[in-house]
Protein backbone atom coordinates (compact mmCIF):
# COMPACT_ATOMS: atom_id res chain seq x y z
CA UNK A 1 -21.23 12.81 -29.18
CA UNK A 2 -18.34 14.10 -31.92
CA UNK A 3 -15.25 11.71 -31.56
CA UNK A 4 -13.21 14.60 -29.73
CA UNK A 5 -16.38 15.62 -27.12
CA UNK A 6 -15.04 14.06 -23.85
CA UNK A 7 -17.92 11.62 -22.01
CA UNK A 8 -18.51 13.36 -19.28
CA UNK A 9 -21.63 11.40 -18.11
CA UNK A 10 -19.42 8.78 -18.40
CA UNK A 11 -16.31 9.91 -16.87
CA UNK A 12 -18.14 10.60 -13.94
CA UNK A 13 -20.23 7.76 -13.27
CA UNK A 14 -16.76 5.84 -13.74
CA UNK A 15 -14.76 8.39 -11.08
CA UNK A 16 -17.16 7.77 -7.89
CA UNK A 17 -17.95 3.70 -8.79
CA UNK A 18 -14.36 2.73 -9.62
CA UNK A 19 -13.82 4.92 -6.02
CA UNK A 20 -15.63 3.28 -4.05
CA UNK A 21 -14.93 0.59 -5.25
CA UNK A 22 -11.45 1.18 -4.45
CA UNK A 23 -12.72 1.61 -1.10
CA UNK A 24 -14.85 -1.93 -0.71
CA UNK A 25 -11.32 -3.15 -1.59
CA UNK A 26 -9.63 -1.69 1.02
CA UNK A 27 -11.44 -2.47 3.79
CA UNK A 28 -11.84 -5.88 2.53
CA UNK A 29 -7.54 -6.26 2.30
CA UNK A 30 -8.11 -4.59 5.98
CA UNK A 31 -10.63 -7.11 7.44
CA UNK A 32 -10.57 -10.42 5.44
CA UNK A 33 -8.26 -13.10 6.17
CA UNK A 34 -5.48 -14.22 3.45
CA UNK A 35 -6.81 -14.95 0.73
CA UNK A 36 -9.73 -12.06 0.57
CA UNK A 37 -6.69 -9.84 1.39
CA UNK A 38 -5.46 -11.15 -1.95
CA UNK A 39 -8.32 -11.25 -4.45
CA UNK A 40 -9.10 -7.91 -2.63
CA UNK A 41 -5.33 -6.18 -3.34
CA UNK A 42 -5.91 -7.38 -7.22
CA UNK A 43 -9.07 -5.94 -7.54
CA UNK A 44 -7.46 -2.80 -6.27
CA UNK A 45 -4.41 -2.42 -8.37
CA UNK A 46 -7.20 -2.90 -11.21
CA UNK A 47 -9.30 0.37 -10.25
CA UNK A 48 -7.09 2.31 -9.41
CA UNK A 49 -5.09 2.11 -12.27
CA UNK A 50 -9.12 3.16 -13.43
CA UNK A 51 -8.61 6.15 -11.42
CA UNK A 52 -5.05 6.92 -12.73
CA UNK A 53 -6.89 6.37 -16.36
CA UNK A 54 -9.20 9.38 -15.87
CA UNK A 55 -5.85 11.79 -13.97
CA UNK A 56 -4.51 11.03 -17.09
CA UNK A 57 -7.68 12.21 -19.03
CA UNK A 58 -7.99 15.42 -16.26
CA UNK A 59 -4.40 16.20 -16.93
CA UNK A 60 -5.18 16.76 -20.43
CA UNK A 61 -8.08 18.28 -20.06
CA UNK A 62 -9.97 16.19 -21.73
CA UNK A 63 -11.99 14.41 -18.95
CA UNK A 64 -14.96 17.33 -19.52
CA UNK A 65 -15.46 19.93 -21.39
CA UNK A 66 -15.55 22.27 -18.14
CA UNK A 67 -12.64 23.02 -16.49
CA UNK A 68 -13.95 23.73 -13.18
CA UNK A 69 -15.15 20.21 -13.18
CA UNK A 70 -11.94 18.92 -15.59
CA UNK A 71 -9.48 20.31 -12.51
CA UNK A 72 -12.10 18.67 -10.09
CA UNK A 73 -12.29 15.16 -10.52
CA UNK A 74 -9.24 16.03 -11.33
CA UNK A 75 -8.40 16.37 -8.41
CA UNK A 76 -10.07 13.14 -6.58
CA UNK A 77 -8.43 10.93 -9.38
CA UNK A 78 -4.98 11.99 -8.00
CA UNK A 79 -5.56 11.65 -4.39
CA UNK A 80 -5.98 7.81 -5.00
CA UNK A 81 -2.15 7.84 -6.25
CA UNK A 82 -1.90 9.57 -4.22
CA UNK A 83 -1.01 13.20 -6.10
CA UNK A 84 -1.60 16.25 -6.78
CA UNK A 85 -3.04 17.07 -10.62
CA UNK A 86 -1.54 20.24 -10.56
CA UNK A 87 2.43 18.05 -10.20
CA UNK A 88 1.14 15.51 -12.35
CA UNK A 89 0.33 17.76 -15.29
CA UNK A 90 3.81 19.36 -15.45
CA UNK A 91 5.52 16.12 -14.77
CA UNK A 92 3.07 14.26 -17.33
CA UNK A 93 3.71 17.34 -20.14
CA UNK A 94 7.07 17.80 -19.35
CA UNK A 95 7.32 13.99 -20.95
CA UNK A 96 5.32 14.48 -23.80
CA UNK A 97 8.00 16.99 -24.89
CA UNK A 98 10.73 15.30 -24.48
CA UNK A 99 9.77 11.59 -25.22
CA UNK A 100 12.49 9.65 -26.60
CA UNK A 101 14.57 12.17 -26.12
CA UNK A 102 18.10 11.85 -24.71
CA UNK A 103 16.54 12.49 -21.06
CA UNK A 104 13.93 10.05 -22.26
CA UNK A 105 16.13 6.64 -23.06
CA UNK A 106 15.90 4.59 -19.65
CA UNK A 107 15.71 1.65 -22.39
CA UNK A 108 18.99 2.44 -23.85
CA UNK A 109 21.99 2.08 -23.05
CA UNK A 110 24.85 4.88 -24.37
CA UNK A 111 28.70 5.43 -22.97
CA UNK A 112 28.89 7.51 -21.53
CA UNK A 113 25.66 6.55 -18.69
CA UNK A 114 26.15 6.19 -15.01
CA UNK A 115 24.98 2.18 -15.03
CA UNK A 116 24.60 1.09 -11.63
CA UNK A 117 21.98 4.16 -11.62
CA UNK A 118 20.67 2.99 -15.22
CA UNK A 119 19.46 -0.66 -13.46
CA UNK A 120 18.95 0.61 -10.32
CA UNK A 121 15.76 3.44 -12.64
CA UNK A 122 14.52 0.92 -14.64
CA UNK A 123 13.88 -2.44 -12.36
CA UNK A 124 12.83 0.39 -10.30
CA UNK A 125 9.89 0.96 -12.47
CA UNK A 126 9.13 -2.78 -12.85
CA UNK A 127 9.08 -4.15 -9.06
CA UNK A 128 6.95 -1.05 -8.54
CA UNK A 129 9.83 1.00 -6.68
CA UNK A 130 8.80 3.80 -9.19
CA UNK A 131 5.62 4.44 -7.55
CA UNK A 132 7.15 4.94 -4.38
CA UNK A 133 9.85 7.17 -5.45
CA UNK A 134 7.18 9.49 -7.21
CA UNK A 135 4.57 9.34 -4.16
CA UNK A 136 7.50 10.64 -1.77
CA UNK A 137 9.42 12.90 -3.89
CA UNK A 138 5.76 14.92 -4.47
CA UNK A 139 5.69 14.78 -0.47
CA UNK A 140 9.21 15.53 -0.52
CA UNK A 141 8.56 18.52 -2.54
CA UNK A 142 4.72 20.05 -0.29
CA UNK A 143 7.27 19.86 2.51
CA UNK A 144 10.12 21.21 1.19
CA UNK A 145 12.50 24.06 0.20
CA UNK A 146 13.97 25.21 -3.43
CA UNK A 147 17.08 24.22 -2.23
CA UNK A 148 16.34 20.91 -1.59
CA UNK A 149 15.79 19.96 -4.64
CA UNK A 150 18.78 22.07 -5.80
CA UNK A 151 20.76 20.07 -4.23
CA UNK A 152 18.83 16.79 -5.14
CA UNK A 153 20.03 17.49 -8.20
CA UNK A 154 23.47 17.96 -7.88
CA UNK A 155 23.51 14.79 -5.98
CA UNK A 156 22.55 13.27 -8.91
CA UNK A 157 25.40 15.41 -11.11
CA UNK A 158 25.19 16.29 -14.58
CA UNK A 159 24.94 13.23 -16.63
CA UNK A 160 22.98 11.40 -13.67
CA UNK A 161 20.29 14.04 -14.01
CA UNK A 162 20.85 13.73 -17.79
CA UNK A 163 19.89 9.95 -18.05
CA UNK A 164 16.91 9.86 -15.36
CA UNK A 165 15.41 12.98 -16.88
CA UNK A 166 15.63 14.37 -13.60
CA UNK A 167 17.41 17.50 -14.44
CA UNK A 168 13.91 18.43 -16.55
CA UNK A 169 11.67 16.51 -13.85
CA UNK A 170 12.91 18.05 -10.97
CA UNK A 171 13.40 21.41 -12.58
CA UNK A 172 9.78 21.54 -14.21
CA UNK A 173 8.36 22.01 -10.04
CA UNK A 174 9.61 25.34 -10.68
CA UNK A 175 6.79 26.46 -13.60
CA UNK A 176 4.31 25.10 -10.55
CA UNK A 177 1.80 27.39 -8.75
CA UNK A 178 3.82 26.58 -4.95
CA UNK A 179 0.78 26.97 -2.77
CA UNK A 180 -2.04 25.55 -5.09
CA UNK A 181 0.53 22.61 -6.01
CA UNK A 182 0.61 22.19 -2.51
CA UNK A 183 -2.76 21.82 -1.55
CA UNK A 184 -3.13 19.77 -3.71
CA UNK A 185 -0.54 17.00 -1.90
CA UNK A 186 -2.27 18.03 1.16
CA UNK A 187 -5.78 16.96 0.37
CA UNK A 188 -4.36 13.77 -0.69
CA UNK A 189 -2.79 12.68 2.45
CA UNK A 190 -6.13 13.86 4.21
CA UNK A 191 -7.97 12.04 1.41
CA UNK A 192 -5.85 8.81 2.74
CA UNK A 193 -6.20 9.74 6.33
CA UNK A 194 -9.69 9.91 6.27
CA UNK A 195 -10.56 6.12 4.29
CA UNK A 196 -7.19 4.90 7.36
CA UNK A 197 -10.04 6.93 10.17
CA UNK A 198 -13.18 5.57 8.51
CA UNK A 199 -13.39 2.31 6.69
CA UNK A 200 -10.48 1.35 9.86
CA UNK A 201 -8.09 0.11 8.00
CA UNK A 202 -5.01 -2.01 8.36
CA UNK A 203 -1.53 -1.03 7.24
CA UNK A 204 -0.92 -4.23 5.77
CA UNK A 205 -4.30 -4.20 4.30
CA UNK A 206 -3.57 -0.47 2.62
CA UNK A 207 -0.53 -1.55 1.65
CA UNK A 208 -1.14 -4.93 0.46
CA UNK A 209 -3.51 -2.64 -2.39
CA UNK A 210 -0.72 -0.73 -2.89
CA UNK A 211 1.67 -2.76 -3.59
CA UNK A 212 -0.32 -5.16 -6.44
CA UNK A 213 -1.54 -1.61 -7.48
CA UNK A 214 2.51 -0.37 -7.76
CA UNK A 215 4.06 -3.17 -9.02
CA UNK A 216 0.97 -2.93 -11.79
CA UNK A 217 1.14 1.18 -12.52
CA UNK A 218 4.94 1.34 -12.86
CA UNK A 219 4.93 -2.08 -15.04
CA UNK A 220 2.78 -0.57 -17.70
CA UNK A 221 4.11 3.00 -17.66
CA UNK A 222 7.43 2.34 -19.41
CA UNK A 223 6.58 -1.26 -21.05
CA UNK A 224 4.40 1.12 -23.29
CA UNK A 225 7.72 2.84 -24.49
CA UNK A 226 10.01 1.12 -23.85
CA UNK A 227 12.63 -0.34 -27.57
CA UNK A 228 10.30 1.53 -29.01
CA UNK A 229 11.34 3.97 -31.92
CA UNK A 230 13.20 7.03 -30.18
CA UNK A 231 11.08 10.05 -31.92
CA UNK A 232 9.04 12.06 -29.47
CA UNK A 233 5.68 11.27 -31.14
CA UNK A 234 5.96 7.89 -32.65
CA UNK A 235 8.41 7.05 -29.35
CA UNK A 236 5.33 4.52 -27.90
CA UNK A 237 3.42 1.08 -28.40
CA UNK A 238 -0.48 0.52 -28.97
CA UNK A 239 -0.37 -2.86 -26.65
CA UNK A 240 -2.49 -6.30 -27.00
CA UNK A 241 -4.08 -6.75 -24.20
CA UNK A 242 -7.58 -8.92 -22.84
CA UNK A 243 -9.88 -6.34 -24.63
CA UNK A 244 -11.56 -6.34 -20.83
CA UNK A 245 -8.41 -5.68 -19.44
CA UNK A 246 -7.70 -2.22 -22.04
CA UNK A 247 -11.35 -1.22 -20.93
CA UNK A 248 -10.46 -0.91 -17.53
CA UNK A 249 -7.83 0.94 -18.04
CA UNK A 250 -9.67 3.44 -20.67
CA UNK A 251 -7.21 2.62 -23.69
CA UNK A 252 -4.17 3.34 -21.70
CA UNK A 253 -2.37 0.70 -23.44
CA UNK A 254 -3.00 2.85 -27.07
CA UNK A 255 -0.81 4.75 -26.06
CA UNK A 256 1.18 5.41 -29.22
CA UNK A 257 -2.11 6.02 -30.67
CA UNK A 258 -2.14 8.75 -27.49
CA UNK A 259 0.76 10.07 -28.14
CA UNK A 260 0.17 10.70 -31.75
CA UNK A 261 -3.34 12.54 -30.54
CA UNK A 262 -3.05 14.06 -27.07
CA UNK A 263 -6.37 15.57 -26.92
CA UNK A 264 -8.11 12.40 -28.23
CA UNK A 265 -10.98 11.41 -24.96
CA UNK A 266 -9.39 7.42 -23.62
CA UNK A 267 -12.64 6.47 -25.53
CA UNK A 268 -11.95 7.61 -29.69
CA UNK A 269 -7.95 6.16 -29.00
CA UNK A 270 -9.76 2.32 -31.09
CA UNK A 271 -10.62 4.61 -33.88
CA UNK A 272 -6.67 5.25 -34.58
CA UNK A 273 -5.00 2.78 -33.21
CA UNK A 274 -2.08 1.10 -35.61
CA UNK A 275 -1.25 -3.05 -35.35
CA UNK A 276 0.71 -3.09 -32.30
CA UNK A 277 3.23 -5.77 -30.02
CA UNK A 278 1.54 -8.01 -27.09
CA UNK A 279 2.73 -6.55 -23.46
CA UNK A 280 3.38 -9.30 -22.55
CA UNK A 281 6.05 -10.14 -25.17
CA UNK A 282 7.79 -6.48 -24.34
CA UNK A 283 7.35 -6.72 -20.58
CA UNK A 284 9.05 -9.37 -20.92
CA UNK A 285 11.73 -7.97 -23.39
CA UNK A 286 11.71 -5.63 -20.88
CA UNK A 287 13.39 -7.57 -17.71
CA UNK A 288 16.04 -8.24 -19.82
CA UNK A 289 17.38 -4.36 -18.92
CA UNK A 290 18.21 -1.38 -21.15
CA UNK A 291 20.16 -2.46 -24.66
CA UNK A 292 22.91 -0.25 -27.30
CA UNK A 293 20.88 0.41 -29.96
CA UNK A 294 22.17 -2.01 -32.22
CA UNK A 295 20.84 -4.65 -29.73
CA UNK A 296 17.05 -3.55 -29.81
CA UNK A 297 14.81 -6.06 -29.57
CA UNK A 298 11.73 -6.55 -32.91
CA UNK A 299 8.52 -7.94 -31.33
CA UNK A 300 5.97 -9.41 -33.89
CA UNK A 301 2.64 -6.13 -34.62
CA UNK A 302 -0.75 -7.07 -35.14
CA UNK A 303 -4.28 -5.21 -35.04
CA UNK A 304 -4.84 -4.54 -31.31
CA UNK A 305 -8.18 -4.49 -31.42
């Protein structure tokens, strides 16, 4: 197999297996005693990150070479977040274009920053609230007209819109195919409703699973960029984690390699992974909050494989 050829059969197997596992964990969390809820939530936080990584592959059109298969697999994976493929693709490619620019320096304290907003956004990321805001934001897009988005931008203000990246991301919504993007989001809502009905889920069990996922997913989404070089292509880390965990996340921790070679499928990233810091070291530094550039922490970098 060529290194640039997606492992389509394996991706499909993982999509089905992780989806089935998610259903099992959600069912268990809804019907088990408290200790079963905790165990199921932890396991769900892992397998749902596998599904998010598969969604990430679809966003870059490298889940499968067949565009139709890539699209529908991405739509199914998106239902588990829940979000839509089109909006996730637009947001993620916007991130690649603006990575570590002034619009994505959430870890850098600038004199002109609105401080309370800077810290609110930062700790929302590392407590899992980022997932909740992202999910509710997608739903808000699906049910409101354009003037609501314009009102939100005015609410952020000029500086707030820049430092939170709201200008770029809310503005990117105008690029979406409106009908397709909304239908995908409605499908994700219908998928979640069907899970409640067919698996007899409880709100507590569902919330426990998604809270665990939110915390794990949100933390990684900026730990792999925090305090890295202010460069679109090299502003990320290859993070050292246990090998089994990196495999569950489909090499998502090799984020520098991904930003350097965004068209490489997940299984090819280790071949291009330069040394990096430990995840736990960067994550702990993040809890000290955004820093001025001259106060950025440094990390010992070793082989990540």
